[in-house]
Amino acid sequence: MLGQLSVFDNIALPLRLAHRPESQIAADVAEILRWVGLAELQDAKPAELAGGEQQRVAIARAVVTRPKLLVADEPTGNLDDAQARRLMTLITALNRLGTTVIVATHNISLVERYPAPRLQLAGGRLVAHG
């Protein structure tokens, strides 16, 4: 995140770089802020946020453009269980809309709760798939 920008502007950055209309940017950012539970912090700077809040801002910025591919390394690592479920619901919705999602995690319960094709590694080797 860029420290001098607000939460809103950090999330809006990729949309602005894509030359989207400001009205669309405002609507898209407001929607994603609600999804990640940070609407009330839209004017805050990254330094004013807790670690989990910063992580949610980074995730919001990554998904606000509805990318074709999302690679998430431990996306729920700093989140409480409720926020982790909310984030995984968002990621699942993105996948249903056509985004290919790759999630790397050590959280086995997360993998079991959100069934999808998976690869299991141990010692750098593939030990299971399905």
N, C-alpha and C. Protein backbone atom coordinates (compact mmCIF):
# COMPACT_ATOMS: atom_id res chain seq x y z
N MET A 1 0.83 -1.18 0.00
CA MET A 1 0.00 0.00 0.00
C MET A 1 0.87 1.24 0.00
N LEU A 2 0.33 2.27 -0.53
CA LEU A 2 1.03 3.55 -0.54
C LEU A 2 0.62 4.33 0.70
N GLY A 3 1.59 4.63 1.55
CA GLY A 3 1.33 5.24 2.85
C GLY A 3 0.69 6.60 2.81
N GLN A 4 0.92 7.36 1.75
CA GLN A 4 0.37 8.71 1.68
C GLN A 4 -1.07 8.73 1.18
N LEU A 5 -1.57 7.60 0.70
CA LEU A 5 -2.94 7.53 0.20
C LEU A 5 -3.88 6.97 1.25
N SER A 6 -5.12 7.41 1.20
CA SER A 6 -6.15 6.87 2.09
C SER A 6 -6.48 5.43 1.66
N VAL A 7 -7.22 4.75 2.51
CA VAL A 7 -7.69 3.40 2.18
C VAL A 7 -8.46 3.44 0.86
N PHE A 8 -9.38 4.39 0.74
CA PHE A 8 -10.17 4.52 -0.48
C PHE A 8 -9.27 4.68 -1.69
N ASP A 9 -8.31 5.60 -1.62
CA ASP A 9 -7.45 5.88 -2.77
C ASP A 9 -6.50 4.72 -3.08
N ASN A 10 -6.06 3.99 -2.07
CA ASN A 10 -5.24 2.80 -2.32
C ASN A 10 -6.03 1.76 -3.12
N ILE A 11 -7.29 1.56 -2.75
CA ILE A 11 -8.11 0.58 -3.45
C ILE A 11 -8.48 1.09 -4.84
N ALA A 12 -8.71 2.39 -4.97
CA ALA A 12 -9.09 2.98 -6.25
C ALA A 12 -7.95 3.05 -7.25
N LEU A 13 -6.72 2.97 -6.79
CA LEU A 13 -5.56 3.17 -7.66
C LEU A 13 -5.59 2.31 -8.93
N PRO A 14 -5.79 1.00 -8.87
CA PRO A 14 -5.78 0.23 -10.12
C PRO A 14 -6.91 0.62 -11.07
N LEU A 15 -8.04 1.05 -10.52
CA LEU A 15 -9.16 1.50 -11.37
C LEU A 15 -8.81 2.81 -12.06
N ARG A 16 -8.16 3.70 -11.34
CA ARG A 16 -7.74 4.97 -11.95
C ARG A 16 -6.68 4.74 -13.02
N LEU A 17 -5.76 3.82 -12.75
CA LEU A 17 -4.74 3.51 -13.75
C LEU A 17 -5.35 2.89 -15.01
N ALA A 18 -6.51 2.26 -14.85
CA ALA A 18 -7.23 1.69 -15.99
C ALA A 18 -8.17 2.72 -16.63
N HIS A 19 -8.12 3.96 -16.16
CA HIS A 19 -8.91 5.08 -16.69
C HIS A 19 -10.41 4.83 -16.61
N ARG A 20 -10.86 4.25 -15.51
CA ARG A 20 -12.29 4.06 -15.30
C ARG A 20 -12.91 5.39 -14.87
N PRO A 21 -14.17 5.61 -15.18
CA PRO A 21 -14.84 6.85 -14.75
C PRO A 21 -14.90 6.94 -13.22
N GLU A 22 -14.75 8.14 -12.69
CA GLU A 22 -14.75 8.33 -11.24
C GLU A 22 -16.04 7.84 -10.59
N SER A 23 -17.17 7.97 -11.29
CA SER A 23 -18.43 7.48 -10.72
C SER A 23 -18.39 5.96 -10.55
N GLN A 24 -17.81 5.26 -11.51
CA GLN A 24 -17.68 3.80 -11.40
C GLN A 24 -16.68 3.45 -10.31
N ILE A 25 -15.59 4.21 -10.22
CA ILE A 25 -14.59 3.97 -9.18
C ILE A 25 -15.22 4.10 -7.81
N ALA A 26 -15.98 5.17 -7.60
CA ALA A 26 -16.61 5.40 -6.29
C ALA A 26 -17.54 4.24 -5.93
N ALA A 27 -18.33 3.78 -6.90
CA ALA A 27 -19.26 2.68 -6.63
C ALA A 27 -18.52 1.37 -6.37
N ASP A 28 -17.52 1.07 -7.19
CA ASP A 28 -16.78 -0.19 -7.02
C ASP A 28 -16.01 -0.23 -5.71
N VAL A 29 -15.37 0.89 -5.36
CA VAL A 29 -14.60 0.93 -4.12
C VAL A 29 -15.53 0.85 -2.91
N ALA A 30 -16.65 1.55 -2.95
CA ALA A 30 -17.60 1.49 -1.84
C ALA A 30 -18.10 0.05 -1.65
N GLU A 31 -18.38 -0.64 -2.75
CA GLU A 31 -18.85 -2.03 -2.66
C GLU A 31 -17.79 -2.94 -2.05
N ILE A 32 -16.57 -2.84 -2.51
CA ILE A 32 -15.52 -3.72 -2.00
C ILE A 32 -15.18 -3.38 -0.55
N LEU A 33 -15.26 -2.10 -0.18
CA LEU A 33 -15.04 -1.71 1.22
C LEU A 33 -16.08 -2.36 2.13
N ARG A 34 -17.33 -2.41 1.68
CA ARG A 34 -18.37 -3.10 2.46
C ARG A 34 -18.05 -4.59 2.57
N TRP A 35 -17.63 -5.20 1.47
CA TRP A 35 -17.31 -6.63 1.47
C TRP A 35 -16.23 -6.98 2.47
N VAL A 36 -15.21 -6.14 2.56
CA VAL A 36 -14.10 -6.45 3.47
C VAL A 36 -14.29 -5.82 4.84
N GLY A 37 -15.42 -5.16 5.06
CA GLY A 37 -15.75 -4.62 6.38
C GLY A 37 -14.94 -3.41 6.79
N LEU A 38 -14.56 -2.57 5.82
CA LEU A 38 -13.73 -1.40 6.13
C LEU A 38 -14.34 -0.09 5.67
N ALA A 39 -15.63 -0.06 5.41
CA ALA A 39 -16.26 1.16 4.90
C ALA A 39 -16.02 2.36 5.81
N GLU A 40 -16.03 2.11 7.12
CA GLU A 40 -15.86 3.23 8.07
C GLU A 40 -14.42 3.73 8.13
N LEU A 41 -13.49 3.02 7.52
CA LEU A 41 -12.08 3.42 7.55
C LEU A 41 -11.58 3.92 6.20
N GLN A 42 -12.49 4.27 5.30
CA GLN A 42 -12.08 4.66 3.95
C GLN A 42 -11.16 5.87 3.90
N ASP A 43 -11.22 6.74 4.89
CA ASP A 43 -10.37 7.94 4.89
C ASP A 43 -9.07 7.75 5.66
N ALA A 44 -8.89 6.62 6.31
CA ALA A 44 -7.69 6.36 7.12
C ALA A 44 -6.48 6.11 6.22
N LYS A 45 -5.31 6.38 6.77
CA LYS A 45 -4.05 6.06 6.10
C LYS A 45 -3.60 4.67 6.57
N PRO A 46 -2.82 3.96 5.76
CA PRO A 46 -2.38 2.61 6.14
C PRO A 46 -1.72 2.53 7.52
N ALA A 47 -0.95 3.53 7.90
CA ALA A 47 -0.26 3.50 9.20
C ALA A 47 -1.23 3.52 10.38
N GLU A 48 -2.47 3.96 10.14
CA GLU A 48 -3.47 4.04 11.20
C GLU A 48 -4.23 2.72 11.37
N LEU A 49 -3.96 1.74 10.52
CA LEU A 49 -4.70 0.49 10.52
C LEU A 49 -3.95 -0.62 11.24
N ALA A 50 -4.69 -1.55 11.78
CA ALA A 50 -4.09 -2.77 12.35
C ALA A 50 -3.64 -3.67 11.19
N GLY A 51 -2.82 -4.67 11.51
CA GLY A 51 -2.29 -5.56 10.48
C GLY A 51 -3.35 -6.25 9.65
N GLY A 52 -4.39 -6.78 10.31
CA GLY A 52 -5.47 -7.45 9.59
C GLY A 52 -6.24 -6.49 8.69
N GLU A 53 -6.40 -5.25 9.15
CA GLU A 53 -7.07 -4.24 8.33
C GLU A 53 -6.23 -3.90 7.11
N GLN A 54 -4.93 -3.77 7.29
CA GLN A 54 -4.04 -3.52 6.15
C GLN A 54 -4.12 -4.66 5.14
N GLN A 55 -4.19 -5.88 5.65
CA GLN A 55 -4.28 -7.04 4.77
C GLN A 55 -5.58 -7.00 3.97
N ARG A 56 -6.67 -6.62 4.61
CA ARG A 56 -7.95 -6.54 3.90
C ARG A 56 -7.93 -5.45 2.84
N VAL A 57 -7.23 -4.33 3.11
CA VAL A 57 -7.10 -3.27 2.09
C VAL A 57 -6.33 -3.81 0.89
N ALA A 58 -5.24 -4.51 1.16
CA ALA A 58 -4.43 -5.07 0.06
C ALA A 58 -5.26 -6.06 -0.76
N ILE A 59 -6.04 -6.87 -0.10
CA ILE A 59 -6.89 -7.83 -0.81
C ILE A 59 -7.95 -7.10 -1.62
N ALA A 60 -8.56 -6.08 -1.03
CA ALA A 60 -9.57 -5.31 -1.75
C ALA A 60 -8.98 -4.69 -3.01
N ARG A 61 -7.78 -4.14 -2.89
CA ARG A 61 -7.13 -3.53 -4.07
C ARG A 61 -6.84 -4.59 -5.13
N ALA A 62 -6.49 -5.79 -4.69
CA ALA A 62 -6.17 -6.86 -5.64
C ALA A 62 -7.40 -7.35 -6.40
N VAL A 63 -8.58 -7.30 -5.78
CA VAL A 63 -9.76 -7.88 -6.42
C VAL A 63 -10.72 -6.84 -7.00
N VAL A 64 -10.51 -5.56 -6.74
CA VAL A 64 -11.46 -4.54 -7.18
C VAL A 64 -11.59 -4.48 -8.70
N THR A 65 -10.57 -4.89 -9.42
CA THR A 65 -10.64 -4.88 -10.88
C THR A 65 -11.20 -6.18 -11.46
N ARG A 66 -11.58 -7.10 -10.58
CA ARG A 66 -12.10 -8.42 -10.98
C ARG A 66 -11.12 -9.09 -11.95
N PRO A 67 -9.95 -9.41 -11.45
CA PRO A 67 -8.90 -9.96 -12.33
C PRO A 67 -9.26 -11.36 -12.86
N LYS A 68 -8.62 -11.74 -13.95
CA LYS A 68 -8.82 -13.08 -14.50
C LYS A 68 -8.12 -14.13 -13.65
N LEU A 69 -7.02 -13.74 -12.97
CA LEU A 69 -6.26 -14.65 -12.12
C LEU A 69 -5.97 -13.96 -10.79
N LEU A 70 -6.22 -14.66 -9.70
CA LEU A 70 -5.90 -14.16 -8.36
C LEU A 70 -5.05 -15.21 -7.67
N VAL A 71 -3.83 -14.82 -7.29
CA VAL A 71 -2.95 -15.70 -6.53
C VAL A 71 -2.86 -15.11 -5.13
N ALA A 72 -3.29 -15.87 -4.13
CA ALA A 72 -3.35 -15.39 -2.75
C ALA A 72 -2.51 -16.29 -1.85
N ASP A 73 -1.45 -15.73 -1.29
CA ASP A 73 -0.57 -16.48 -0.39
C ASP A 73 -0.96 -16.17 1.05
N GLU A 74 -1.54 -17.14 1.73
CA GLU A 74 -2.02 -16.99 3.12
C GLU A 74 -2.93 -15.76 3.26
N PRO A 75 -3.99 -15.66 2.45
CA PRO A 75 -4.82 -14.46 2.48
C PRO A 75 -5.56 -14.24 3.80
N THR A 76 -5.73 -15.28 4.59
CA THR A 76 -6.47 -15.14 5.85
C THR A 76 -5.55 -15.18 7.07
N GLY A 77 -4.26 -15.12 6.85
CA GLY A 77 -3.28 -15.29 7.93
C GLY A 77 -3.43 -14.34 9.10
N ASN A 78 -3.77 -13.09 8.87
CA ASN A 78 -3.88 -12.11 9.96
C ASN A 78 -5.33 -11.74 10.28
N LEU A 79 -6.27 -12.56 9.81
CA LEU A 79 -7.68 -12.23 10.00
C LEU A 79 -8.31 -13.13 11.05
N ASP A 80 -9.31 -12.56 11.76
CA ASP A 80 -10.06 -13.41 12.68
C ASP A 80 -10.97 -14.32 11.86
N ASP A 81 -11.60 -15.28 12.51
CA ASP A 81 -12.37 -16.29 11.80
C ASP A 81 -13.51 -15.68 10.98
N ALA A 82 -14.21 -14.70 11.54
CA ALA A 82 -15.32 -14.08 10.81
C ALA A 82 -14.83 -13.37 9.55
N GLN A 83 -13.72 -12.63 9.67
CA GLN A 83 -13.18 -11.94 8.51
C GLN A 83 -12.63 -12.94 7.49
N ALA A 84 -12.04 -14.03 7.97
CA ALA A 84 -11.52 -15.05 7.06
C ALA A 84 -12.67 -15.66 6.24
N ARG A 85 -13.78 -15.95 6.91
CA ARG A 85 -14.95 -16.49 6.20
C ARG A 85 -15.48 -15.49 5.19
N ARG A 86 -15.54 -14.23 5.58
CA ARG A 86 -16.02 -13.19 4.68
C ARG A 86 -15.12 -13.10 3.45
N LEU A 87 -13.81 -13.12 3.68
CA LEU A 87 -12.86 -13.05 2.57
C LEU A 87 -13.00 -14.27 1.66
N MET A 88 -13.12 -15.45 2.23
CA MET A 88 -13.25 -16.65 1.41
C MET A 88 -14.57 -16.65 0.63
N THR A 89 -15.61 -16.05 1.18
CA THR A 89 -16.86 -15.90 0.44
C THR A 89 -16.64 -15.00 -0.76
N LEU A 90 -15.90 -13.91 -0.58
CA LEU A 90 -15.57 -13.00 -1.68
C LEU A 90 -14.75 -13.73 -2.74
N ILE A 91 -13.74 -14.47 -2.32
CA ILE A 91 -12.89 -15.19 -3.27
C ILE A 91 -13.71 -16.24 -4.02
N THR A 92 -14.62 -16.92 -3.32
CA THR A 92 -15.49 -17.91 -3.96
C THR A 92 -16.40 -17.24 -4.99
N ALA A 93 -16.94 -16.08 -4.64
CA ALA A 93 -17.80 -15.34 -5.57
C ALA A 93 -17.01 -14.92 -6.81
N LEU A 94 -15.79 -14.45 -6.61
CA LEU A 94 -14.95 -14.08 -7.75
C LEU A 94 -14.71 -15.29 -8.65
N ASN A 95 -14.47 -16.44 -8.05
CA ASN A 95 -14.25 -17.65 -8.82
C ASN A 95 -15.49 -18.00 -9.63
N ARG A 96 -16.65 -17.88 -9.05
CA ARG A 96 -17.90 -18.17 -9.76
C ARG A 96 -18.12 -17.21 -10.93
N LEU A 97 -17.57 -15.99 -10.80
CA LEU A 97 -17.70 -14.99 -11.87
C LEU A 97 -16.63 -15.16 -12.95
N GLY A 98 -15.76 -16.17 -12.80
CA GLY A 98 -14.79 -16.45 -13.85
C GLY A 98 -13.34 -16.21 -13.50
N THR A 99 -13.05 -15.72 -12.31
CA THR A 99 -11.66 -15.52 -11.90
C THR A 99 -11.06 -16.85 -11.48
N THR A 100 -9.90 -17.18 -12.04
CA THR A 100 -9.16 -18.35 -11.59
C THR A 100 -8.46 -17.98 -10.29
N VAL A 101 -8.63 -18.78 -9.26
CA VAL A 101 -8.10 -18.46 -7.93
C VAL A 101 -7.14 -19.56 -7.49
N ILE A 102 -5.95 -19.14 -7.07
CA ILE A 102 -4.98 -20.05 -6.47
C ILE A 102 -4.70 -19.52 -5.07
N VAL A 103 -4.98 -20.34 -4.06
CA VAL A 103 -4.76 -19.94 -2.67
C VAL A 103 -3.72 -20.88 -2.07
N ALA A 104 -2.68 -20.31 -1.50
CA ALA A 104 -1.68 -21.09 -0.76
C ALA A 104 -1.93 -20.85 0.73
N THR A 105 -2.08 -21.93 1.49
CA THR A 105 -2.35 -21.78 2.91
C THR A 105 -1.88 -23.01 3.69
N HIS A 106 -1.61 -22.78 4.96
CA HIS A 106 -1.33 -23.87 5.89
C HIS A 106 -2.57 -24.21 6.72
N ASN A 107 -3.65 -23.47 6.51
CA ASN A 107 -4.87 -23.60 7.28
C ASN A 107 -5.74 -24.73 6.71
N ILE A 108 -5.59 -25.92 7.25
CA ILE A 108 -6.31 -27.09 6.75
C ILE A 108 -7.82 -26.93 6.90
N SER A 109 -8.28 -26.34 8.01
CA SER A 109 -9.73 -26.18 8.19
C SER A 109 -10.31 -25.25 7.13
N LEU A 110 -9.54 -24.27 6.70
CA LEU A 110 -9.98 -23.37 5.64
C LEU A 110 -10.16 -24.16 4.34
N VAL A 111 -9.21 -25.01 4.03
CA VAL A 111 -9.29 -25.83 2.82
C VAL A 111 -10.49 -26.76 2.88
N GLU A 112 -10.74 -27.34 4.03
CA GLU A 112 -11.86 -28.27 4.19
C GLU A 112 -13.21 -27.56 4.13
N ARG A 113 -13.25 -26.32 4.61
CA ARG A 113 -14.49 -25.56 4.64
C ARG A 113 -14.90 -25.07 3.25
N TYR A 114 -13.94 -24.86 2.37
CA TYR A 114 -14.20 -24.34 1.02
C TYR A 114 -13.66 -25.34 0.01
N PRO A 115 -14.43 -26.41 -0.24
CA PRO A 115 -13.93 -27.46 -1.12
C PRO A 115 -13.72 -26.95 -2.54
N ALA A 116 -12.58 -27.31 -3.08
CA ALA A 116 -12.20 -26.97 -4.45
C ALA A 116 -11.05 -27.90 -4.81
N PRO A 117 -10.74 -28.01 -6.08
CA PRO A 117 -9.57 -28.81 -6.43
C PRO A 117 -8.36 -28.30 -5.65
N ARG A 118 -7.55 -29.24 -5.16
CA ARG A 118 -6.41 -28.81 -4.35
C ARG A 118 -5.20 -29.70 -4.58
N LEU A 119 -4.07 -29.10 -4.30
CA LEU A 119 -2.78 -29.79 -4.32
C LEU A 119 -2.20 -29.69 -2.93
N GLN A 120 -1.68 -30.78 -2.42
CA GLN A 120 -1.05 -30.76 -1.09
C GLN A 120 0.43 -31.04 -1.26
N LEU A 121 1.24 -30.14 -0.68
CA LEU A 121 2.69 -30.27 -0.75
C LEU A 121 3.24 -30.62 0.62
N ALA A 122 4.32 -31.37 0.64
CA ALA A 122 5.06 -31.66 1.87
C ALA A 122 6.53 -31.77 1.47
N GLY A 123 7.36 -31.01 2.14
CA GLY A 123 8.78 -31.03 1.82
C GLY A 123 9.06 -30.62 0.39
N GLY A 124 8.22 -29.74 -0.15
CA GLY A 124 8.42 -29.27 -1.51
C GLY A 124 7.97 -30.25 -2.58
N ARG A 125 7.30 -31.30 -2.20
CA ARG A 125 6.84 -32.32 -3.15
C ARG A 125 5.32 -32.47 -3.08
N LEU A 126 4.73 -32.75 -4.23
CA LEU A 126 3.30 -33.02 -4.31
C LEU A 126 3.01 -34.37 -3.66
N VAL A 127 2.16 -34.36 -2.63
CA VAL A 127 1.84 -35.61 -1.93
C VAL A 127 0.38 -36.01 -2.09
N ALA A 128 -0.47 -35.10 -2.52
CA ALA A 128 -1.88 -35.42 -2.73
C ALA A 128 -2.50 -34.38 -3.65
N HIS A 129 -3.54 -34.80 -4.35
CA HIS A 129 -4.30 -33.87 -5.17
C HIS A 129 -5.72 -34.38 -5.31
N GLY A 130 -6.58 -33.46 -5.64
CA GLY A 130 -7.98 -33.87 -5.80
C GLY A 130 -8.93 -32.77 -5.48
